[in-house]
Every structure is written in structure tokens, then in C-alpha cells.
Amino acid sequence: WAEYLRLRNTLNDAIAEIERLRALPSRDAVLEEAARVAER
């Protein structure tokens, strides 16, 4: 059970990291926003 829970926590951590990465804006979006800031 301890091993199962450890693996489950590891899996949950991996899923959370994937979701965090998916939420990041794309490189193009970041560059466009930086260009807008520079423009102003």
C-alpha cells in the first residue's frame, strides 16, 4: 500500500506538472506580448 500510494503521488505530481505546462502561453504569444510592451 505504501508503494502504491508513493506511485500514486508521483503520478499525481506528474499530472499536475503537465497541466501547469499546458497552462503556459505559447512562445509566440509571449513574444507578441513582449513586442506590444516594447512598442508602448
ModelCIF file with pLDDT and N, C-alpha, C, O atoms, coordinates in Angstrom:
data_MODEL
#
_entry.id   MODEL 
#
_entity.id                         1 
_entity.type                       polymer 
_entity.pdbx_number_of_molecules   1 
#
_entity_poly.entity_id                      1 
_entity_poly.type                           'polypeptide(L)' 
_entity_poly.nstd_linkage                   no 
_entity_poly.nstd_monomer                   no 
_entity_poly.pdbx_seq_one_letter_code       WAEYLRLRNTLNDAIAEIERLRALPSRDAVLEEAARVAER 
_entity_poly.pdbx_seq_one_letter_code_can   WAEYLRLRNTLNDAIAEIERLRALPSRDAVLEEAARVAER 
_entity_poly.pdbx_strand_id                 A 
#
loop_
_entity_poly_seq.entity_id 
_entity_poly_seq.num 
_entity_poly_seq.mon_id 
_entity_poly_seq.hetero 
1 1  TRP n 
1 2  ALA n 
1 3  GLU n 
1 4  TYR n 
1 5  LEU n 
1 6  ARG n 
1 7  LEU n 
1 8  ARG n 
1 9  ASN n 
1 10 THR n 
1 11 LEU n 
1 12 ASN n 
1 13 ASP n 
1 14 ALA n 
1 15 ILE n 
1 16 ALA n 
1 17 GLU n 
1 18 ILE n 
1 19 GLU n 
1 20 ARG n 
1 21 LEU n 
1 22 ARG n 
1 23 ALA n 
1 24 LEU n 
1 25 PRO n 
1 26 SER n 
1 27 ARG n 
1 28 ASP n 
1 29 ALA n 
1 30 VAL n 
1 31 LEU n 
1 32 GLU n 
1 33 GLU n 
1 34 ALA n 
1 35 ALA n 
1 36 ARG n 
1 37 VAL n 
1 38 ALA n 
1 39 GLU n 
1 40 ARG n 
#
_struct_asym.id          A 
_struct_asym.entity_id   1 
#
loop_
_ma_qa_metric.id 
_ma_qa_metric.mode 
_ma_qa_metric.name 
_ma_qa_metric.software_group_id 
_ma_qa_metric.type 
1 global pLDDT . pLDDT 
2 local  pLDDT . pLDDT 
#
_ma_qa_metric_global.metric_id      1 
_ma_qa_metric_global.metric_value   84.47 
_ma_qa_metric_global.model_id       1 
_ma_qa_metric_global.ordinal_id     1 
#
loop_
_ma_qa_metric_local.label_asym_id 
_ma_qa_metric_local.label_comp_id 
_ma_qa_metric_local.label_seq_id 
_ma_qa_metric_local.metric_id 
_ma_qa_metric_local.metric_value 
_ma_qa_metric_local.model_id 
_ma_qa_metric_local.ordinal_id 
A TRP 1  2 90.00 1 1  
A ALA 2  2 88.00 1 2  
A GLU 3  2 88.00 1 3  
A TYR 4  2 87.00 1 4  
A LEU 5  2 88.00 1 5  
A ARG 6  2 86.00 1 6  
A LEU 7  2 86.00 1 7  
A ARG 8  2 87.00 1 8  
A ASN 9  2 85.00 1 9  
A THR 10 2 86.00 1 10 
A LEU 11 2 84.00 1 11 
A ASN 12 2 84.00 1 12 
A ASP 13 2 85.00 1 13 
A ALA 14 2 82.00 1 14 
A ILE 15 2 82.00 1 15 
A ALA 16 2 85.00 1 16 
A GLU 17 2 83.00 1 17 
A ILE 18 2 77.00 1 18 
A GLU 19 2 85.00 1 19 
A ARG 20 2 80.00 1 20 
A LEU 21 2 75.00 1 21 
A ARG 22 2 80.00 1 22 
A ALA 23 2 82.00 1 23 
A LEU 24 2 76.00 1 24 
A PRO 25 2 84.00 1 25 
A SER 26 2 85.00 1 26 
A ARG 27 2 84.00 1 27 
A ASP 28 2 85.00 1 28 
A ALA 29 2 84.00 1 29 
A VAL 30 2 84.00 1 30 
A LEU 31 2 86.00 1 31 
A GLU 32 2 88.00 1 32 
A GLU 33 2 85.00 1 33 
A ALA 34 2 86.00 1 34 
A ALA 35 2 88.00 1 35 
A ARG 36 2 88.00 1 36 
A VAL 37 2 86.00 1 37 
A ALA 38 2 85.00 1 38 
A GLU 39 2 86.00 1 39 
A ARG 40 2 84.00 1 40 
#
loop_
_atom_site.group_PDB 
_atom_site.id 
_atom_site.type_symbol 
_atom_site.label_atom_id 
_atom_site.label_alt_id 
_atom_site.label_comp_id 
_atom_site.label_asym_id 
_atom_site.label_entity_id 
_atom_site.label_seq_id 
_atom_site.pdbx_PDB_ins_code 
_atom_site.Cartn_x 
_atom_site.Cartn_y 
_atom_site.Cartn_z 
_atom_site.occupancy 
_atom_site.B_iso_or_equiv 
_atom_site.pdbx_formal_charge 
_atom_site.auth_seq_id 
_atom_site.auth_comp_id 
_atom_site.auth_asym_id 
_atom_site.auth_atom_id 
_atom_site.pdbx_PDB_model_num 
ATOM 1   N N  . TRP A 1 1  ? 0.830  -1.209 0.000   1.00 90.00 ? 1  TRP A N  1 
ATOM 2   C CA . TRP A 1 1  ? 0.000  0.000  0.000   1.00 90.00 ? 1  TRP A CA 1 
ATOM 3   C C  . TRP A 1 1  ? 0.867  1.262  0.000   1.00 90.00 ? 1  TRP A C  1 
ATOM 4   O O  . TRP A 1 1  ? 0.542  2.242  -0.671  1.00 90.00 ? 1  TRP A O  1 
ATOM 5   N N  . ALA A 1 2  ? 1.956  1.235  0.746   1.00 88.00 ? 2  ALA A N  1 
ATOM 6   C CA . ALA A 1 2  ? 2.852  2.397  0.784   1.00 88.00 ? 2  ALA A CA 1 
ATOM 7   C C  . ALA A 1 2  ? 3.440  2.636  -0.600  1.00 88.00 ? 2  ALA A C  1 
ATOM 8   O O  . ALA A 1 2  ? 3.525  3.779  -1.049  1.00 88.00 ? 2  ALA A O  1 
ATOM 9   N N  . GLU A 1 3  ? 3.845  1.568  -1.280  1.00 88.00 ? 3  GLU A N  1 
ATOM 10  C CA . GLU A 1 3  ? 4.392  1.701  -2.626  1.00 88.00 ? 3  GLU A CA 1 
ATOM 11  C C  . GLU A 1 3  ? 3.322  2.222  -3.593  1.00 88.00 ? 3  GLU A C  1 
ATOM 12  O O  . GLU A 1 3  ? 3.593  3.082  -4.431  1.00 88.00 ? 3  GLU A O  1 
ATOM 13  N N  . TYR A 1 4  ? 2.111  1.688  -3.461  1.00 87.00 ? 4  TYR A N  1 
ATOM 14  C CA . TYR A 1 4  ? 1.000  2.152  -4.302  1.00 87.00 ? 4  TYR A CA 1 
ATOM 15  C C  . TYR A 1 4  ? 0.752  3.650  -4.093  1.00 87.00 ? 4  TYR A C  1 
ATOM 16  O O  . TYR A 1 4  ? 0.605  4.405  -5.054  1.00 87.00 ? 4  TYR A O  1 
ATOM 17  N N  . LEU A 1 5  ? 0.709  4.064  -2.829  1.00 88.00 ? 5  LEU A N  1 
ATOM 18  C CA . LEU A 1 5  ? 0.465  5.477  -2.530  1.00 88.00 ? 5  LEU A CA 1 
ATOM 19  C C  . LEU A 1 5  ? 1.621  6.360  -3.027  1.00 88.00 ? 5  LEU A C  1 
ATOM 20  O O  . LEU A 1 5  ? 1.395  7.462  -3.527  1.00 88.00 ? 5  LEU A O  1 
ATOM 21  N N  . ARG A 1 6  ? 2.856  5.868  -2.884  1.00 86.00 ? 6  ARG A N  1 
ATOM 22  C CA . ARG A 1 6  ? 4.005  6.622  -3.382  1.00 86.00 ? 6  ARG A CA 1 
ATOM 23  C C  . ARG A 1 6  ? 3.914  6.790  -4.899  1.00 86.00 ? 6  ARG A C  1 
ATOM 24  O O  . ARG A 1 6  ? 4.127  7.885  -5.420  1.00 86.00 ? 6  ARG A O  1 
ATOM 25  N N  . LEU A 1 7  ? 3.598  5.711  -5.600  1.00 86.00 ? 7  LEU A N  1 
ATOM 26  C CA . LEU A 1 7  ? 3.468  5.791  -7.054  1.00 86.00 ? 7  LEU A CA 1 
ATOM 27  C C  . LEU A 1 7  ? 2.294  6.677  -7.458  1.00 86.00 ? 7  LEU A C  1 
ATOM 28  O O  . LEU A 1 7  ? 2.364  7.423  -8.434  1.00 86.00 ? 7  LEU A O  1 
ATOM 29  N N  . ARG A 1 8  ? 1.220  6.578  -6.691  1.00 87.00 ? 8  ARG A N  1 
ATOM 30  C CA . ARG A 1 8  ? 0.061  7.414  -6.988  1.00 87.00 ? 8  ARG A CA 1 
ATOM 31  C C  . ARG A 1 8  ? 0.397  8.891  -6.799  1.00 87.00 ? 8  ARG A C  1 
ATOM 32  O O  . ARG A 1 8  ? -0.001 9.726  -7.611  1.00 87.00 ? 8  ARG A O  1 
ATOM 33  N N  . ASN A 1 9  ? 1.121  9.214  -5.740  1.00 85.00 ? 9  ASN A N  1 
ATOM 34  C CA . ASN A 1 9  ? 1.541  10.602 -5.524  1.00 85.00 ? 9  ASN A CA 1 
ATOM 35  C C  . ASN A 1 9  ? 2.462  11.075 -6.638  1.00 85.00 ? 9  ASN A C  1 
ATOM 36  O O  . ASN A 1 9  ? 2.364  12.213 -7.097  1.00 85.00 ? 9  ASN A O  1 
ATOM 37  N N  . THR A 1 10 ? 3.361  10.190 -7.068  1.00 86.00 ? 10 THR A N  1 
ATOM 38  C CA . THR A 1 10 ? 4.260  10.531 -8.167  1.00 86.00 ? 10 THR A CA 1 
ATOM 39  C C  . THR A 1 10 ? 3.457  10.798 -9.430  1.00 86.00 ? 10 THR A C  1 
ATOM 40  O O  . THR A 1 10 ? 3.720  11.768 -10.140 1.00 86.00 ? 10 THR A O  1 
ATOM 41  N N  . LEU A 1 11 ? 2.483  9.945  -9.712  1.00 84.00 ? 11 LEU A N  1 
ATOM 42  C CA . LEU A 1 11 ? 1.624  10.129 -10.882 1.00 84.00 ? 11 LEU A CA 1 
ATOM 43  C C  . LEU A 1 11 ? 0.839  11.434 -10.774 1.00 84.00 ? 11 LEU A C  1 
ATOM 44  O O  . LEU A 1 11 ? 0.745  12.185 -11.745 1.00 84.00 ? 11 LEU A O  1 
ATOM 45  N N  . ASN A 1 12 ? 0.279  11.704 -9.607  1.00 84.00 ? 12 ASN A N  1 
ATOM 46  C CA . ASN A 1 12 ? -0.464 12.954 -9.412  1.00 84.00 ? 12 ASN A CA 1 
ATOM 47  C C  . ASN A 1 12 ? 0.437  14.172 -9.591  1.00 84.00 ? 12 ASN A C  1 
ATOM 48  O O  . ASN A 1 12 ? 0.019  15.178 -10.164 1.00 84.00 ? 12 ASN A O  1 
ATOM 49  N N  . ASP A 1 13 ? 1.667  14.080 -9.103  1.00 85.00 ? 13 ASP A N  1 
ATOM 50  C CA . ASP A 1 13 ? 2.623  15.179 -9.290  1.00 85.00 ? 13 ASP A CA 1 
ATOM 51  C C  . ASP A 1 13 ? 2.932  15.380 -10.768 1.00 85.00 ? 13 ASP A C  1 
ATOM 52  O O  . ASP A 1 13 ? 3.015  16.514 -11.239 1.00 85.00 ? 13 ASP A O  1 
ATOM 53  N N  . ALA A 1 14 ? 3.102  14.283 -11.499 1.00 82.00 ? 14 ALA A N  1 
ATOM 54  C CA . ALA A 1 14 ? 3.391  14.372 -12.936 1.00 82.00 ? 14 ALA A CA 1 
ATOM 55  C C  . ALA A 1 14 ? 2.210  14.985 -13.682 1.00 82.00 ? 14 ALA A C  1 
ATOM 56  O O  . ALA A 1 14 ? 2.400  15.822 -14.564 1.00 82.00 ? 14 ALA A O  1 
ATOM 57  N N  . ILE A 1 15 ? 1.006  14.577 -13.338 1.00 82.00 ? 15 ILE A N  1 
ATOM 58  C CA . ILE A 1 15 ? -0.187 15.134 -13.982 1.00 82.00 ? 15 ILE A CA 1 
ATOM 59  C C  . ILE A 1 15 ? -0.300 16.624 -13.685 1.00 82.00 ? 15 ILE A C  1 
ATOM 60  O O  . ILE A 1 15 ? -0.627 17.410 -14.574 1.00 82.00 ? 15 ILE A O  1 
ATOM 61  N N  . ALA A 1 16 ? -0.034 17.015 -12.455 1.00 85.00 ? 16 ALA A N  1 
ATOM 62  C CA . ALA A 1 16 ? -0.091 18.435 -12.093 1.00 85.00 ? 16 ALA A CA 1 
ATOM 63  C C  . ALA A 1 16 ? 0.942  19.233 -12.878 1.00 85.00 ? 16 ALA A C  1 
ATOM 64  O O  . ALA A 1 16 ? 0.660  20.352 -13.308 1.00 85.00 ? 16 ALA A O  1 
ATOM 65  N N  . GLU A 1 17 ? 2.131  18.676 -13.069 1.00 83.00 ? 17 GLU A N  1 
ATOM 66  C CA . GLU A 1 17 ? 3.179  19.373 -13.823 1.00 83.00 ? 17 GLU A CA 1 
ATOM 67  C C  . GLU A 1 17 ? 2.779  19.508 -15.294 1.00 83.00 ? 17 GLU A C  1 
ATOM 68  O O  . GLU A 1 17 ? 3.012  20.550 -15.906 1.00 83.00 ? 17 GLU A O  1 
ATOM 69  N N  . ILE A 1 18 ? 2.186  18.473 -15.855 1.00 77.00 ? 18 ILE A N  1 
ATOM 70  C CA . ILE A 1 18 ? 1.720  18.541 -17.242 1.00 77.00 ? 18 ILE A CA 1 
ATOM 71  C C  . ILE A 1 18 ? 0.655  19.621 -17.384 1.00 77.00 ? 18 ILE A C  1 
ATOM 72  O O  . ILE A 1 18 ? 0.687  20.398 -18.337 1.00 77.00 ? 18 ILE A O  1 
ATOM 73  N N  . GLU A 1 19 ? -0.266 19.676 -16.465 1.00 85.00 ? 19 GLU A N  1 
ATOM 74  C CA . GLU A 1 19 ? -1.312 20.705 -16.501 1.00 85.00 ? 19 GLU A CA 1 
ATOM 75  C C  . GLU A 1 19 ? -0.720 22.098 -16.364 1.00 85.00 ? 19 GLU A C  1 
ATOM 76  O O  . GLU A 1 19 ? -1.170 23.036 -17.023 1.00 85.00 ? 19 GLU A O  1 
ATOM 77  N N  . ARG A 1 20 ? 0.291  22.236 -15.504 1.00 80.00 ? 20 ARG A N  1 
ATOM 78  C CA . ARG A 1 20 ? 0.955  23.537 -15.347 1.00 80.00 ? 20 ARG A CA 1 
ATOM 79  C C  . ARG A 1 20 ? 1.623  23.947 -16.663 1.00 80.00 ? 20 ARG A C  1 
ATOM 80  O O  . ARG A 1 20 ? 1.531  25.102 -17.081 1.00 80.00 ? 20 ARG A O  1 
ATOM 81  N N  . LEU A 1 21 ? 2.289  23.002 -17.302 1.00 75.00 ? 21 LEU A N  1 
ATOM 82  C CA . LEU A 1 21 ? 2.962  23.301 -18.561 1.00 75.00 ? 21 LEU A CA 1 
ATOM 83  C C  . LEU A 1 21 ? 1.964  23.640 -19.666 1.00 75.00 ? 21 LEU A C  1 
ATOM 84  O O  . LEU A 1 21 ? 2.216  24.520 -20.489 1.00 75.00 ? 21 LEU A O  1 
ATOM 85  N N  . ARG A 1 22 ? 0.833  22.940 -19.681 1.00 80.00 ? 22 ARG A N  1 
ATOM 86  C CA . ARG A 1 22 ? -0.204 23.230 -20.682 1.00 80.00 ? 22 ARG A CA 1 
ATOM 87  C C  . ARG A 1 22 ? -0.776 24.628 -20.505 1.00 80.00 ? 22 ARG A C  1 
ATOM 88  O O  . ARG A 1 22 ? -1.188 25.263 -21.476 1.00 80.00 ? 22 ARG A O  1 
ATOM 89  N N  . ALA A 1 23 ? -0.800 25.105 -19.271 1.00 82.00 ? 23 ALA A N  1 
ATOM 90  C CA . ALA A 1 23 ? -1.380 26.425 -18.988 1.00 82.00 ? 23 ALA A CA 1 
ATOM 91  C C  . ALA A 1 23 ? -0.445 27.567 -19.392 1.00 82.00 ? 23 ALA A C  1 
ATOM 92  O O  . ALA A 1 23 ? -0.874 28.714 -19.507 1.00 82.00 ? 23 ALA A O  1 
ATOM 93  N N  . LEU A 1 24 ? 0.825  27.249 -19.605 1.00 76.00 ? 24 LEU A N  1 
ATOM 94  C CA . LEU A 1 24 ? 1.759  28.301 -20.003 1.00 76.00 ? 24 LEU A CA 1 
ATOM 95  C C  . LEU A 1 24 ? 1.421  28.772 -21.414 1.00 76.00 ? 24 LEU A C  1 
ATOM 96  O O  . LEU A 1 24 ? 1.037  27.972 -22.268 1.00 76.00 ? 24 LEU A O  1 
ATOM 97  N N  . PRO A 1 25 ? 1.565  30.061 -21.651 1.00 84.00 ? 25 PRO A N  1 
ATOM 98  C CA . PRO A 1 25 ? 1.292  30.562 -23.002 1.00 84.00 ? 25 PRO A CA 1 
ATOM 99  C C  . PRO A 1 25 ? 2.339  30.053 -23.981 1.00 84.00 ? 25 PRO A C  1 
ATOM 100 O O  . PRO A 1 25 ? 3.446  29.678 -23.596 1.00 84.00 ? 25 PRO A O  1 
ATOM 101 N N  . SER A 1 26 ? 1.968  30.049 -25.239 1.00 85.00 ? 26 SER A N  1 
ATOM 102 C CA . SER A 1 26 ? 2.913  29.598 -26.256 1.00 85.00 ? 26 SER A CA 1 
ATOM 103 C C  . SER A 1 26 ? 4.042  30.610 -26.393 1.00 85.00 ? 26 SER A C  1 
ATOM 104 O O  . SER A 1 26 ? 3.907  31.762 -25.980 1.00 85.00 ? 26 SER A O  1 
ATOM 105 N N  . ARG A 1 27 ? 5.145  30.180 -26.970 1.00 84.00 ? 27 ARG A N  1 
ATOM 106 C CA . ARG A 1 27 ? 6.297  31.061 -27.167 1.00 84.00 ? 27 ARG A CA 1 
ATOM 107 C C  . ARG A 1 27 ? 5.901  32.252 -28.036 1.00 84.00 ? 27 ARG A C  1 
ATOM 108 O O  . ARG A 1 27 ? 6.290  33.387 -27.758 1.00 84.00 ? 27 ARG A O  1 
ATOM 109 N N  . ASP A 1 28 ? 5.127  31.991 -29.089 1.00 85.00 ? 28 ASP A N  1 
ATOM 110 C CA . ASP A 1 28 ? 4.695  33.076 -29.972 1.00 85.00 ? 28 ASP A CA 1 
ATOM 111 C C  . ASP A 1 28 ? 3.862  34.106 -29.222 1.00 85.00 ? 28 ASP A C  1 
ATOM 112 O O  . ASP A 1 28 ? 4.017  35.308 -29.437 1.00 85.00 ? 28 ASP A O  1 
ATOM 113 N N  . ALA A 1 29 ? 2.976  33.637 -28.339 1.00 84.00 ? 29 ALA A N  1 
ATOM 114 C CA . ALA A 1 29 ? 2.139  34.564 -27.571 1.00 84.00 ? 29 ALA A CA 1 
ATOM 115 C C  . ALA A 1 29 ? 2.999  35.410 -26.639 1.00 84.00 ? 29 ALA A C  1 
ATOM 116 O O  . ALA A 1 29 ? 2.755  36.605 -26.473 1.00 84.00 ? 29 ALA A O  1 
ATOM 117 N N  . VAL A 1 30 ? 3.999  34.788 -26.035 1.00 84.00 ? 30 VAL A N  1 
ATOM 118 C CA . VAL A 1 30 ? 4.893  35.525 -25.132 1.00 84.00 ? 30 VAL A CA 1 
ATOM 119 C C  . VAL A 1 30 ? 5.682  36.576 -25.911 1.00 84.00 ? 30 VAL A C  1 
ATOM 120 O O  . VAL A 1 30 ? 5.816  37.717 -25.469 1.00 84.00 ? 30 VAL A O  1 
ATOM 121 N N  . LEU A 1 31 ? 6.204  36.180 -27.082 1.00 86.00 ? 31 LEU A N  1 
ATOM 122 C CA . LEU A 1 31 ? 6.958  37.135 -27.893 1.00 86.00 ? 31 LEU A CA 1 
ATOM 123 C C  . LEU A 1 31 ? 6.074  38.288 -28.366 1.00 86.00 ? 31 LEU A C  1 
ATOM 124 O O  . LEU A 1 31 ? 6.515  39.438 -28.376 1.00 86.00 ? 31 LEU A O  1 
ATOM 125 N N  . GLU A 1 32 ? 4.847  37.999 -28.752 1.00 88.00 ? 32 GLU A N  1 
ATOM 126 C CA . GLU A 1 32 ? 3.948  39.061 -29.208 1.00 88.00 ? 32 GLU A CA 1 
ATOM 127 C C  . GLU A 1 32 ? 3.631  40.031 -28.075 1.00 88.00 ? 32 GLU A C  1 
ATOM 128 O O  . GLU A 1 32 ? 3.592  41.244 -28.282 1.00 88.00 ? 32 GLU A O  1 
ATOM 129 N N  . GLU A 1 33 ? 3.406  39.497 -26.881 1.00 85.00 ? 33 GLU A N  1 
ATOM 130 C CA . GLU A 1 33 ? 3.136  40.371 -25.731 1.00 85.00 ? 33 GLU A CA 1 
ATOM 131 C C  . GLU A 1 33 ? 4.364  41.223 -25.414 1.00 85.00 ? 33 GLU A C  1 
ATOM 132 O O  . GLU A 1 33 ? 4.233  42.404 -25.094 1.00 85.00 ? 33 GLU A O  1 
ATOM 133 N N  . ALA A 1 34 ? 5.543  40.635 -25.501 1.00 86.00 ? 34 ALA A N  1 
ATOM 134 C CA . ALA A 1 34 ? 6.778  41.399 -25.265 1.00 86.00 ? 34 ALA A CA 1 
ATOM 135 C C  . ALA A 1 34 ? 6.920  42.504 -26.313 1.00 86.00 ? 34 ALA A C  1 
ATOM 136 O O  . ALA A 1 34 ? 7.342  43.616 -25.995 1.00 86.00 ? 34 ALA A O  1 
ATOM 137 N N  . ALA A 1 35 ? 6.570  42.199 -27.546 1.00 88.00 ? 35 ALA A N  1 
ATOM 138 C CA . ALA A 1 35 ? 6.634  43.216 -28.604 1.00 88.00 ? 35 ALA A CA 1 
ATOM 139 C C  . ALA A 1 35 ? 5.661  44.357 -28.323 1.00 88.00 ? 35 ALA A C  1 
ATOM 140 O O  . ALA A 1 35 ? 5.991  45.527 -28.517 1.00 88.00 ? 35 ALA A O  1 
ATOM 141 N N  . ARG A 1 36 ? 4.458  44.007 -27.863 1.00 88.00 ? 36 ARG A N  1 
ATOM 142 C CA . ARG A 1 36 ? 3.473  45.058 -27.535 1.00 88.00 ? 36 ARG A CA 1 
ATOM 143 C C  . ARG A 1 36 ? 3.971  45.945 -26.401 1.00 88.00 ? 36 ARG A C  1 
ATOM 144 O O  . ARG A 1 36 ? 3.811  47.165 -26.445 1.00 88.00 ? 36 ARG A O  1 
ATOM 145 N N  . VAL A 1 37 ? 4.572  45.336 -25.395 1.00 86.00 ? 37 VAL A N  1 
ATOM 146 C CA . VAL A 1 37 ? 5.112  46.111 -24.269 1.00 86.00 ? 37 VAL A CA 1 
ATOM 147 C C  . VAL A 1 37 ? 6.221  47.033 -24.774 1.00 86.00 ? 37 VAL A C  1 
ATOM 148 O O  . VAL A 1 37 ? 6.262  48.212 -24.422 1.00 86.00 ? 37 VAL A O  1 
ATOM 149 N N  . ALA A 1 38 ? 7.109  46.498 -25.590 1.00 85.00 ? 38 ALA A N  1 
ATOM 150 C CA . ALA A 1 38 ? 8.209  47.310 -26.140 1.00 85.00 ? 38 ALA A CA 1 
ATOM 151 C C  . ALA A 1 38 ? 7.660  48.456 -26.983 1.00 85.00 ? 38 ALA A C  1 
ATOM 152 O O  . ALA A 1 38 ? 8.162  49.579 -26.929 1.00 85.00 ? 38 ALA A O  1 
ATOM 153 N N  . GLU A 1 39 ? 6.636  48.161 -27.752 1.00 86.00 ? 39 GLU A N  1 
ATOM 154 C CA . GLU A 1 39 ? 6.030  49.172 -28.618 1.00 86.00 ? 39 GLU A CA 1 
ATOM 155 C C  . GLU A 1 39 ? 5.485  50.364 -27.816 1.00 86.00 ? 39 GLU A C  1 
ATOM 156 O O  . GLU A 1 39 ? 5.558  51.513 -28.252 1.00 86.00 ? 39 GLU A O  1 
ATOM 157 N N  . ARG A 1 40 ? 4.944  50.058 -26.645 1.00 84.00 ? 40 ARG A N  1 
ATOM 158 C CA . ARG A 1 40 ? 4.347  51.115 -25.812 1.00 84.00 ? 40 ARG A CA 1 
ATOM 159 C C  . ARG A 1 40 ? 5.338  51.742 -24.841 1.00 84.00 ? 40 ARG A C  1 
ATOM 160 O O  . ARG A 1 40 ? 4.975  52.640 -24.082 1.00 84.00 ? 40 ARG A O  1 
#
